[in-house]
Amino acid sequence: MVGFIVVATVRTAVPRPIKSGLEFEAAFPVKGRILEALLCPDCEAEGYIRMRIARDPKKGWSYDPKDAATYVDIYGLDPRDSYSKVRAGEWAEGRVICFGFLKRVRARRISTVGPVLESGSRLVGAVRVNSKVEIDFGLFQSELAFASDEERRKILKEAGVKAGSFVATDVGVDIELKRWGSKETVLRHG
């Protein structure tokens, strides 16, 4: 008797990049520890910063480095050349700017940021429409601006976005640092 071994192929769905649709930009304040600051190896004209922040800043800026559930790492482009001045291990205050295109998706809940928020991360957010249009991504919120109510209705209808729906983005991330130093200095400053 001759036997055959058949290897079953499993197809995994790889989502296509989101390169068009409604645009958003959101900025939020951060205080955290610098893990890396490095020069871009491709162009040597810009740099990147990796920073660890508390997952829920409403509870305070401190986190437990041994408990991954208490923090998130943010890795982003530094447009202000702070990467050449800041050192790993220092604490810093600044803001994170997240931007990208939005596409309506079928989802039941917000997808929380994993251990790292970086450019290209796929995020799913919940849409709220009242006097303004808000997208809640969990770690941050974005508010969409329109020239008029009529334009807002038209654009949201074309995109298939309404209150209670969900949108996805392949987020872009920039980090702008204001100041850095010891933990006590950064956390004490208002």
N, C-alpha and C. Protein backbone atom coordinates (compact mmCIF):
# COMPACT_ATOMS: atom_id res chain seq x y z
N MET A 1 0.84 -1.17 0.00
CA MET A 1 0.00 0.00 0.00
C MET A 1 0.89 1.24 0.00
N VAL A 2 0.54 2.18 -0.83
CA VAL A 2 1.30 3.42 -0.94
C VAL A 2 0.47 4.52 -0.30
N GLY A 3 1.09 5.28 0.56
CA GLY A 3 0.38 6.38 1.22
C GLY A 3 0.92 7.72 0.78
N PHE A 4 0.09 8.67 0.85
CA PHE A 4 0.49 10.03 0.51
C PHE A 4 0.30 10.93 1.72
N ILE A 5 1.22 11.80 1.86
CA ILE A 5 1.09 12.80 2.92
C ILE A 5 0.66 14.10 2.26
N VAL A 6 -0.45 14.58 2.69
CA VAL A 6 -0.97 15.82 2.13
C VAL A 6 -0.79 16.93 3.17
N VAL A 7 -0.15 17.97 2.75
CA VAL A 7 0.04 19.11 3.63
C VAL A 7 -1.06 20.12 3.32
N ALA A 8 -1.84 20.40 4.32
CA ALA A 8 -2.92 21.37 4.15
C ALA A 8 -2.33 22.78 4.22
N THR A 9 -2.69 23.58 3.27
CA THR A 9 -2.23 24.97 3.31
C THR A 9 -3.29 25.82 4.00
N VAL A 10 -2.82 26.63 4.86
CA VAL A 10 -3.72 27.52 5.59
C VAL A 10 -3.51 28.93 5.06
N ARG A 11 -4.57 29.52 4.61
CA ARG A 11 -4.49 30.89 4.11
C ARG A 11 -4.77 31.84 5.27
N THR A 12 -3.88 32.74 5.44
CA THR A 12 -4.11 33.76 6.46
C THR A 12 -4.45 35.06 5.75
N ALA A 13 -5.41 35.72 6.28
CA ALA A 13 -5.83 36.98 5.68
C ALA A 13 -4.89 38.10 6.12
N VAL A 14 -4.23 38.68 5.16
CA VAL A 14 -3.36 39.81 5.43
C VAL A 14 -4.11 41.06 4.97
N PRO A 15 -4.43 41.95 5.89
CA PRO A 15 -5.20 43.13 5.48
C PRO A 15 -4.39 44.02 4.54
N ARG A 16 -5.07 44.57 3.56
CA ARG A 16 -4.42 45.50 2.65
C ARG A 16 -4.16 46.82 3.37
N PRO A 17 -3.07 47.47 3.01
CA PRO A 17 -2.80 48.77 3.63
C PRO A 17 -3.90 49.78 3.30
N ILE A 18 -4.19 50.63 4.26
CA ILE A 18 -5.21 51.67 4.07
C ILE A 18 -4.48 52.93 3.60
N LYS A 19 -4.67 53.26 2.32
CA LYS A 19 -3.94 54.37 1.72
C LYS A 19 -4.83 55.52 1.26
N SER A 20 -6.14 55.39 1.48
CA SER A 20 -7.04 56.48 1.08
C SER A 20 -8.27 56.45 1.99
N GLY A 21 -9.06 57.50 1.92
CA GLY A 21 -10.25 57.62 2.74
C GLY A 21 -10.23 58.90 3.54
N LEU A 22 -11.06 58.97 4.56
CA LEU A 22 -11.06 60.13 5.45
C LEU A 22 -9.70 60.23 6.12
N GLU A 23 -9.19 61.45 6.25
CA GLU A 23 -7.91 61.65 6.93
C GLU A 23 -8.16 62.12 8.36
N PHE A 24 -7.27 61.72 9.26
CA PHE A 24 -7.37 62.21 10.63
C PHE A 24 -5.98 62.52 11.15
N GLU A 25 -5.95 63.36 12.17
CA GLU A 25 -4.72 63.63 12.91
C GLU A 25 -5.12 63.89 14.35
N ALA A 26 -4.40 63.30 15.28
CA ALA A 26 -4.68 63.48 16.70
C ALA A 26 -3.36 63.64 17.44
N ALA A 27 -3.33 64.54 18.40
CA ALA A 27 -2.14 64.73 19.22
C ALA A 27 -2.54 64.58 20.68
N PHE A 28 -1.68 63.93 21.46
CA PHE A 28 -1.96 63.80 22.88
C PHE A 28 -0.66 63.90 23.68
N PRO A 29 -0.74 64.47 24.90
CA PRO A 29 0.46 64.67 25.72
C PRO A 29 0.95 63.35 26.31
N VAL A 30 2.28 63.25 26.46
CA VAL A 30 2.87 62.06 27.07
C VAL A 30 4.01 62.46 27.99
N LYS A 31 4.23 61.63 28.99
CA LYS A 31 5.42 61.70 29.84
C LYS A 31 5.85 60.26 30.03
N GLY A 32 7.11 59.98 29.77
CA GLY A 32 7.58 58.61 29.91
C GLY A 32 9.09 58.51 29.78
N ARG A 33 9.57 57.30 29.77
CA ARG A 33 11.01 57.03 29.75
C ARG A 33 11.49 56.76 28.32
N ILE A 34 12.60 57.35 27.97
CA ILE A 34 13.20 57.14 26.65
C ILE A 34 13.91 55.79 26.65
N LEU A 35 13.53 54.92 25.73
CA LEU A 35 14.18 53.62 25.60
C LEU A 35 15.25 53.64 24.52
N GLU A 36 14.98 54.36 23.43
CA GLU A 36 15.92 54.45 22.32
C GLU A 36 15.82 55.83 21.68
N ALA A 37 16.93 56.30 21.15
CA ALA A 37 16.96 57.49 20.31
C ALA A 37 18.01 57.20 19.25
N LEU A 38 17.58 57.11 17.99
CA LEU A 38 18.53 56.71 16.97
C LEU A 38 18.35 57.45 15.66
N LEU A 39 19.45 57.54 14.93
CA LEU A 39 19.49 58.16 13.62
C LEU A 39 18.94 57.18 12.60
N CYS A 40 18.16 57.68 11.64
CA CYS A 40 17.60 56.81 10.60
C CYS A 40 18.75 56.23 9.78
N PRO A 41 18.86 54.89 9.71
CA PRO A 41 19.97 54.28 8.97
C PRO A 41 19.85 54.43 7.45
N ASP A 42 18.67 54.77 6.96
CA ASP A 42 18.47 54.90 5.51
C ASP A 42 18.90 56.26 4.97
N CYS A 43 18.45 57.32 5.64
CA CYS A 43 18.70 58.66 5.08
C CYS A 43 19.67 59.50 5.90
N GLU A 44 19.88 59.16 7.15
CA GLU A 44 20.74 59.91 8.07
C GLU A 44 20.34 61.38 8.18
N ALA A 45 19.08 61.70 7.87
CA ALA A 45 18.61 63.08 7.94
C ALA A 45 17.57 63.28 9.04
N GLU A 46 17.07 62.20 9.60
CA GLU A 46 16.05 62.28 10.65
C GLU A 46 16.29 61.15 11.64
N GLY A 47 15.52 61.15 12.71
CA GLY A 47 15.73 60.14 13.73
C GLY A 47 14.44 59.60 14.30
N TYR A 48 14.57 58.58 15.12
CA TYR A 48 13.43 57.92 15.74
C TYR A 48 13.62 57.88 17.25
N ILE A 49 12.49 57.90 17.95
CA ILE A 49 12.49 57.80 19.41
C ILE A 49 11.55 56.69 19.81
N ARG A 50 11.99 55.89 20.78
CA ARG A 50 11.12 54.87 21.38
C ARG A 50 10.97 55.27 22.84
N MET A 51 9.72 55.38 23.26
CA MET A 51 9.41 55.92 24.58
C MET A 51 8.39 55.01 25.25
N ARG A 52 8.54 54.78 26.54
CA ARG A 52 7.58 53.95 27.30
C ARG A 52 6.73 54.87 28.17
N ILE A 53 5.41 54.73 28.02
CA ILE A 53 4.48 55.57 28.78
C ILE A 53 3.48 54.68 29.51
N ALA A 54 2.81 55.26 30.50
CA ALA A 54 1.75 54.55 31.21
C ALA A 54 0.60 54.27 30.26
N ARG A 55 0.05 53.07 30.31
CA ARG A 55 -1.05 52.70 29.42
C ARG A 55 -2.30 53.54 29.70
N ASP A 56 -2.50 53.92 30.95
CA ASP A 56 -3.65 54.75 31.30
C ASP A 56 -3.15 55.99 32.05
N PRO A 57 -2.80 57.06 31.31
CA PRO A 57 -2.27 58.26 31.95
C PRO A 57 -3.24 58.93 32.93
N LYS A 58 -4.55 58.61 32.85
CA LYS A 58 -5.51 59.19 33.80
C LYS A 58 -5.21 58.73 35.22
N LYS A 59 -4.53 57.58 35.35
CA LYS A 59 -4.17 57.06 36.67
C LYS A 59 -2.79 57.53 37.11
N GLY A 60 -2.13 58.35 36.30
CA GLY A 60 -0.80 58.84 36.61
C GLY A 60 0.18 58.41 35.53
N TRP A 61 1.36 59.04 35.55
CA TRP A 61 2.34 58.79 34.50
C TRP A 61 3.27 57.63 34.82
N SER A 62 3.28 57.14 36.06
CA SER A 62 4.17 56.04 36.43
C SER A 62 3.60 54.70 35.97
N TYR A 63 4.48 53.73 35.80
CA TYR A 63 4.10 52.38 35.39
C TYR A 63 5.08 51.40 36.03
N ASP A 64 4.74 50.12 36.00
CA ASP A 64 5.60 49.08 36.53
C ASP A 64 6.34 48.42 35.36
N PRO A 65 7.66 48.59 35.26
CA PRO A 65 8.39 48.01 34.12
C PRO A 65 8.34 46.48 34.07
N LYS A 66 7.94 45.85 35.16
CA LYS A 66 7.85 44.38 35.18
C LYS A 66 6.45 43.89 34.80
N ASP A 67 5.49 44.81 34.66
CA ASP A 67 4.12 44.46 34.32
C ASP A 67 3.73 45.13 33.00
N ALA A 68 3.77 44.37 31.90
CA ALA A 68 3.51 44.91 30.57
C ALA A 68 2.10 45.47 30.42
N ALA A 69 1.18 45.10 31.29
CA ALA A 69 -0.19 45.61 31.21
C ALA A 69 -0.28 47.07 31.66
N THR A 70 0.77 47.59 32.30
CA THR A 70 0.73 48.96 32.82
C THR A 70 1.35 49.99 31.88
N TYR A 71 1.98 49.56 30.79
CA TYR A 71 2.64 50.51 29.90
C TYR A 71 2.47 50.13 28.43
N VAL A 72 2.78 51.08 27.58
CA VAL A 72 2.84 50.86 26.13
C VAL A 72 4.08 51.60 25.62
N ASP A 73 4.78 50.99 24.68
CA ASP A 73 5.93 51.62 24.05
C ASP A 73 5.46 52.33 22.78
N ILE A 74 5.94 53.55 22.59
CA ILE A 74 5.61 54.31 21.39
C ILE A 74 6.90 54.54 20.62
N TYR A 75 6.88 54.16 19.35
CA TYR A 75 8.06 54.28 18.50
C TYR A 75 7.67 55.16 17.33
N GLY A 76 8.31 56.32 17.21
CA GLY A 76 7.91 57.23 16.15
C GLY A 76 9.02 58.12 15.66
N LEU A 77 8.76 58.74 14.53
CA LEU A 77 9.68 59.68 13.91
C LEU A 77 9.75 60.95 14.75
N ASP A 78 10.95 61.49 14.89
CA ASP A 78 11.16 62.72 15.64
C ASP A 78 11.44 63.85 14.65
N PRO A 79 10.47 64.72 14.37
CA PRO A 79 10.67 65.79 13.39
C PRO A 79 11.49 66.97 13.91
N ARG A 80 11.80 67.00 15.21
CA ARG A 80 12.48 68.16 15.79
C ARG A 80 13.94 67.91 16.17
N ASP A 81 14.52 66.82 15.74
CA ASP A 81 15.92 66.48 16.02
C ASP A 81 16.25 66.31 17.50
N SER A 82 15.25 66.02 18.33
CA SER A 82 15.51 65.77 19.75
C SER A 82 16.28 64.47 19.93
N TYR A 83 16.15 63.54 18.99
CA TYR A 83 16.83 62.24 19.09
C TYR A 83 18.34 62.41 19.25
N SER A 84 18.90 63.51 18.72
CA SER A 84 20.35 63.71 18.80
C SER A 84 20.78 64.29 20.16
N LYS A 85 19.81 64.74 20.97
CA LYS A 85 20.14 65.36 22.25
C LYS A 85 19.73 64.51 23.45
N VAL A 86 18.62 63.79 23.33
CA VAL A 86 18.10 63.00 24.44
C VAL A 86 18.87 61.68 24.54
N ARG A 87 18.93 61.13 25.76
CA ARG A 87 19.64 59.85 25.96
C ARG A 87 18.68 58.80 26.50
N ALA A 88 18.96 57.56 26.15
CA ALA A 88 18.17 56.45 26.68
C ALA A 88 18.27 56.45 28.20
N GLY A 89 17.15 56.20 28.86
CA GLY A 89 17.11 56.18 30.32
C GLY A 89 16.55 57.46 30.91
N GLU A 90 16.60 58.56 30.16
CA GLU A 90 16.03 59.81 30.65
C GLU A 90 14.51 59.76 30.53
N TRP A 91 13.85 60.59 31.32
CA TRP A 91 12.41 60.76 31.20
C TRP A 91 12.16 61.98 30.34
N ALA A 92 11.04 61.99 29.63
CA ALA A 92 10.75 63.11 28.73
C ALA A 92 9.27 63.45 28.75
N GLU A 93 8.99 64.69 28.41
CA GLU A 93 7.62 65.17 28.24
C GLU A 93 7.48 65.66 26.81
N GLY A 94 6.35 65.38 26.21
CA GLY A 94 6.13 65.84 24.83
C GLY A 94 4.73 65.51 24.38
N ARG A 95 4.60 65.33 23.08
CA ARG A 95 3.31 64.92 22.55
C ARG A 95 3.53 63.94 21.41
N VAL A 96 2.55 63.06 21.26
CA VAL A 96 2.55 62.07 20.19
C VAL A 96 1.50 62.52 19.18
N ILE A 97 1.88 62.52 17.92
CA ILE A 97 0.95 62.87 16.85
C ILE A 97 0.69 61.60 16.06
N CYS A 98 -0.58 61.19 16.00
CA CYS A 98 -0.99 60.02 15.22
C CYS A 98 -1.83 60.53 14.05
N PHE A 99 -1.61 59.95 12.88
CA PHE A 99 -2.31 60.40 11.68
C PHE A 99 -2.49 59.24 10.71
N GLY A 100 -3.39 59.43 9.76
CA GLY A 100 -3.60 58.39 8.76
C GLY A 100 -4.94 58.53 8.07
N PHE A 101 -5.29 57.49 7.34
CA PHE A 101 -6.56 57.42 6.63
C PHE A 101 -7.48 56.46 7.37
N LEU A 102 -8.78 56.70 7.27
CA LEU A 102 -9.78 55.87 7.94
C LEU A 102 -10.60 55.09 6.92
N LYS A 103 -10.87 53.85 7.24
CA LYS A 103 -11.71 53.00 6.40
C LYS A 103 -12.71 52.29 7.29
N ARG A 104 -13.97 52.26 6.87
CA ARG A 104 -15.01 51.57 7.65
C ARG A 104 -14.74 50.08 7.63
N VAL A 105 -14.85 49.46 8.80
CA VAL A 105 -14.62 48.02 8.92
C VAL A 105 -15.72 47.40 9.77
N ARG A 106 -15.86 46.09 9.64
CA ARG A 106 -16.79 45.36 10.50
C ARG A 106 -16.03 44.97 11.75
N ALA A 107 -16.49 45.45 12.85
CA ALA A 107 -15.86 45.15 14.13
C ALA A 107 -16.91 45.27 15.22
N ARG A 108 -16.59 44.70 16.37
CA ARG A 108 -17.52 44.77 17.50
C ARG A 108 -16.96 45.59 18.65
N ARG A 109 -15.65 45.86 18.58
CA ARG A 109 -15.04 46.62 19.67
C ARG A 109 -13.78 47.31 19.19
N ILE A 110 -13.30 48.20 20.00
CA ILE A 110 -12.05 48.91 19.72
C ILE A 110 -10.92 47.91 19.89
N SER A 111 -9.96 47.93 18.97
CA SER A 111 -8.79 47.08 19.17
C SER A 111 -7.77 47.91 19.94
N THR A 112 -7.40 47.43 21.10
CA THR A 112 -6.46 48.17 21.93
C THR A 112 -5.07 48.03 21.36
N VAL A 113 -4.26 49.02 21.65
CA VAL A 113 -2.88 49.01 21.19
C VAL A 113 -2.16 47.87 21.91
N GLY A 114 -1.37 47.12 21.17
CA GLY A 114 -0.59 46.03 21.75
C GLY A 114 0.56 46.60 22.56
N PRO A 115 1.67 45.86 22.64
CA PRO A 115 2.79 46.34 23.45
C PRO A 115 3.51 47.54 22.83
N VAL A 116 3.35 47.76 21.50
CA VAL A 116 4.05 48.85 20.83
C VAL A 116 3.10 49.58 19.88
N LEU A 117 3.07 50.90 19.98
CA LEU A 117 2.37 51.74 19.01
C LEU A 117 3.44 52.32 18.11
N GLU A 118 3.40 51.96 16.82
CA GLU A 118 4.39 52.45 15.87
C GLU A 118 3.72 52.69 14.53
N SER A 119 4.41 53.38 13.64
CA SER A 119 3.86 53.63 12.31
C SER A 119 3.55 52.31 11.64
N GLY A 120 2.38 52.22 11.05
CA GLY A 120 1.95 50.99 10.39
C GLY A 120 1.07 50.11 11.25
N SER A 121 0.96 50.41 12.55
CA SER A 121 0.09 49.62 13.43
C SER A 121 -1.35 49.76 12.97
N ARG A 122 -2.08 48.64 12.91
CA ARG A 122 -3.49 48.67 12.52
C ARG A 122 -4.31 48.89 13.78
N LEU A 123 -5.04 50.00 13.82
CA LEU A 123 -5.90 50.32 14.95
C LEU A 123 -7.35 50.34 14.50
N VAL A 124 -8.26 49.92 15.36
CA VAL A 124 -9.69 49.99 15.09
C VAL A 124 -10.31 50.90 16.15
N GLY A 125 -11.11 51.87 15.68
CA GLY A 125 -11.73 52.82 16.59
C GLY A 125 -13.23 52.89 16.41
N ALA A 126 -13.91 53.32 17.46
CA ALA A 126 -15.37 53.47 17.44
C ALA A 126 -15.73 54.91 17.06
N VAL A 127 -16.76 55.04 16.24
CA VAL A 127 -17.20 56.35 15.75
C VAL A 127 -18.36 56.85 16.60
N ARG A 128 -18.27 58.12 17.03
CA ARG A 128 -19.37 58.81 17.71
C ARG A 128 -19.70 60.05 16.89
N VAL A 129 -20.96 60.21 16.54
CA VAL A 129 -21.39 61.38 15.78
C VAL A 129 -22.45 62.10 16.59
N ASN A 130 -22.16 63.32 16.97
CA ASN A 130 -23.15 64.22 17.58
C ASN A 130 -22.90 65.59 16.96
N SER A 131 -22.63 66.61 17.72
CA SER A 131 -22.32 67.90 17.11
C SER A 131 -20.96 67.86 16.41
N LYS A 132 -20.14 66.88 16.77
CA LYS A 132 -18.85 66.66 16.11
C LYS A 132 -18.66 65.17 15.86
N VAL A 133 -17.67 64.82 15.07
CA VAL A 133 -17.38 63.42 14.76
C VAL A 133 -16.11 63.04 15.52
N GLU A 134 -16.24 62.06 16.44
CA GLU A 134 -15.11 61.61 17.25
C GLU A 134 -14.82 60.15 16.96
N ILE A 135 -13.53 59.82 16.92
CA ILE A 135 -13.10 58.43 16.76
C ILE A 135 -12.33 58.08 18.03
N ASP A 136 -12.75 57.03 18.72
CA ASP A 136 -12.09 56.58 19.95
C ASP A 136 -11.25 55.35 19.64
N PHE A 137 -9.91 55.51 19.71
CA PHE A 137 -8.99 54.40 19.47
C PHE A 137 -8.51 53.75 20.77
N GLY A 138 -9.08 54.14 21.89
CA GLY A 138 -8.68 53.57 23.17
C GLY A 138 -7.58 54.39 23.82
N LEU A 139 -6.37 54.33 23.29
CA LEU A 139 -5.24 55.09 23.84
C LEU A 139 -5.39 56.59 23.57
N PHE A 140 -6.04 56.93 22.47
CA PHE A 140 -6.25 58.33 22.13
C PHE A 140 -7.55 58.48 21.34
N GLN A 141 -8.03 59.73 21.26
CA GLN A 141 -9.24 60.05 20.50
C GLN A 141 -8.88 61.07 19.42
N SER A 142 -9.64 61.03 18.33
CA SER A 142 -9.45 61.99 17.25
C SER A 142 -10.79 62.63 16.94
N GLU A 143 -10.76 63.90 16.63
CA GLU A 143 -11.97 64.64 16.27
C GLU A 143 -11.83 65.10 14.83
N LEU A 144 -12.78 64.73 13.98
CA LEU A 144 -12.73 65.12 12.57
C LEU A 144 -13.39 66.48 12.39
N ALA A 145 -12.78 67.33 11.57
CA ALA A 145 -13.31 68.67 11.32
C ALA A 145 -13.83 68.77 9.89
N PHE A 146 -14.93 69.46 9.73
CA PHE A 146 -15.54 69.67 8.42
C PHE A 146 -15.89 71.14 8.27
N ALA A 147 -15.94 71.62 7.02
CA ALA A 147 -16.25 73.03 6.76
C ALA A 147 -17.69 73.37 7.13
N SER A 148 -18.61 72.42 6.91
CA SER A 148 -20.02 72.69 7.22
C SER A 148 -20.72 71.37 7.55
N ASP A 149 -21.93 71.48 8.10
CA ASP A 149 -22.72 70.28 8.41
C ASP A 149 -23.09 69.52 7.14
N GLU A 150 -23.37 70.26 6.08
CA GLU A 150 -23.73 69.63 4.81
C GLU A 150 -22.55 68.82 4.26
N GLU A 151 -21.36 69.41 4.32
CA GLU A 151 -20.16 68.69 3.86
C GLU A 151 -19.92 67.45 4.73
N ARG A 152 -20.11 67.60 6.03
CA ARG A 152 -19.93 66.47 6.94
C ARG A 152 -20.86 65.32 6.58
N ARG A 153 -22.15 65.60 6.40
CA ARG A 153 -23.11 64.55 6.03
C ARG A 153 -22.71 63.86 4.72
N LYS A 154 -22.33 64.64 3.73
CA LYS A 154 -21.97 64.10 2.42
C LYS A 154 -20.74 63.19 2.52
N ILE A 155 -19.70 63.65 3.18
CA ILE A 155 -18.45 62.88 3.28
C ILE A 155 -18.65 61.62 4.10
N LEU A 156 -19.37 61.71 5.23
CA LEU A 156 -19.61 60.52 6.05
C LEU A 156 -20.46 59.50 5.30
N LYS A 157 -21.43 59.97 4.53
CA LYS A 157 -22.27 59.06 3.76
C LYS A 157 -21.45 58.34 2.70
N GLU A 158 -20.59 59.08 1.98
CA GLU A 158 -19.74 58.47 0.95
C GLU A 158 -18.79 57.43 1.55
N ALA A 159 -18.30 57.70 2.76
CA ALA A 159 -17.37 56.77 3.41
C ALA A 159 -18.10 55.63 4.12
N GLY A 160 -19.42 55.73 4.25
CA GLY A 160 -20.18 54.69 4.94
C GLY A 160 -19.99 54.71 6.44
N VAL A 161 -19.61 55.86 6.97
CA VAL A 161 -19.34 56.00 8.40
C VAL A 161 -20.53 56.67 9.07
N LYS A 162 -20.99 56.06 10.17
CA LYS A 162 -22.09 56.65 10.94
C LYS A 162 -21.86 56.34 12.42
N ALA A 163 -22.67 56.92 13.27
CA ALA A 163 -22.54 56.70 14.70
C ALA A 163 -22.67 55.22 15.00
N GLY A 164 -21.76 54.71 15.82
CA GLY A 164 -21.79 53.30 16.20
C GLY A 164 -20.98 52.40 15.29
N SER A 165 -20.51 52.92 14.15
CA SER A 165 -19.70 52.07 13.27
C SER A 165 -18.25 52.10 13.74
N PHE A 166 -17.43 51.30 13.09
CA PHE A 166 -16.01 51.21 13.44
C PHE A 166 -15.17 51.52 12.21
N VAL A 167 -14.02 52.13 12.44
CA VAL A 167 -13.08 52.44 11.37
C VAL A 167 -11.71 51.90 11.74
N ALA A 168 -10.91 51.62 10.71
CA ALA A 168 -9.55 51.14 10.93
C ALA A 168 -8.58 52.12 10.28
N THR A 169 -7.36 52.13 10.77
CA THR A 169 -6.29 52.94 10.19
C THR A 169 -4.97 52.21 10.35
N ASP A 170 -4.07 52.44 9.41
CA ASP A 170 -2.67 52.06 9.56
C ASP A 170 -1.98 53.35 9.99
N VAL A 171 -1.85 53.51 11.28
CA VAL A 171 -1.48 54.80 11.87
C VAL A 171 -0.03 55.18 11.57
N GLY A 172 0.19 56.48 11.40
CA GLY A 172 1.53 57.04 11.35
C GLY A 172 1.79 57.68 12.70
N VAL A 173 3.03 57.63 13.18
CA VAL A 173 3.33 58.13 14.53
C VAL A 173 4.55 59.05 14.50
N ASP A 174 4.39 60.26 15.04
CA ASP A 174 5.50 61.19 15.27
C ASP A 174 5.56 61.47 16.76
N ILE A 175 6.76 61.72 17.27
CA ILE A 175 6.95 62.09 18.67
C ILE A 175 7.70 63.41 18.72
N GLU A 176 7.10 64.40 19.37
CA GLU A 176 7.74 65.71 19.56
C GLU A 176 8.02 65.89 21.05
N LEU A 177 9.29 65.97 21.41
CA LEU A 177 9.67 66.15 22.81
C LEU A 177 9.80 67.63 23.14
N LYS A 178 9.29 68.02 24.32
CA LYS A 178 9.42 69.40 24.80
C LYS A 178 10.63 69.53 25.72
N ARG A 179 10.75 68.57 26.62
CA ARG A 179 11.86 68.62 27.59
C ARG A 179 12.15 67.23 28.10
N TRP A 180 13.34 67.05 28.67
CA TRP A 180 13.73 65.75 29.20
C TRP A 180 14.71 65.95 30.34
N GLY A 181 14.85 64.92 31.15
CA GLY A 181 15.73 64.97 32.31
C GLY A 181 15.43 63.80 33.23
N SER A 182 15.60 64.03 34.54
CA SER A 182 15.35 62.96 35.51
C SER A 182 13.84 62.74 35.65
N LYS A 183 13.47 61.57 36.16
CA LYS A 183 12.05 61.24 36.36
C LYS A 183 11.38 62.26 37.27
N GLU A 184 12.04 62.61 38.36
CA GLU A 184 11.46 63.54 39.32
C GLU A 184 11.20 64.90 38.68
N THR A 185 12.14 65.38 37.89
CA THR A 185 11.99 66.69 37.24
C THR A 185 10.84 66.70 36.25
N VAL A 186 10.75 65.66 35.42
CA VAL A 186 9.72 65.60 34.37
C VAL A 186 8.34 65.40 34.98
N LEU A 187 8.20 64.50 35.95
CA LEU A 187 6.88 64.22 36.52
C LEU A 187 6.40 65.32 37.46
N ARG A 188 7.32 66.05 38.07
CA ARG A 188 6.95 67.13 38.98
C ARG A 188 6.41 68.33 38.22
N HIS A 189 6.97 68.61 37.05
CA HIS A 189 6.56 69.78 36.26
C HIS A 189 5.14 69.58 35.74
N GLY A 190 4.24 70.57 35.96
CA GLY A 190 2.83 70.53 35.64
C GLY A 190 2.48 70.04 34.32
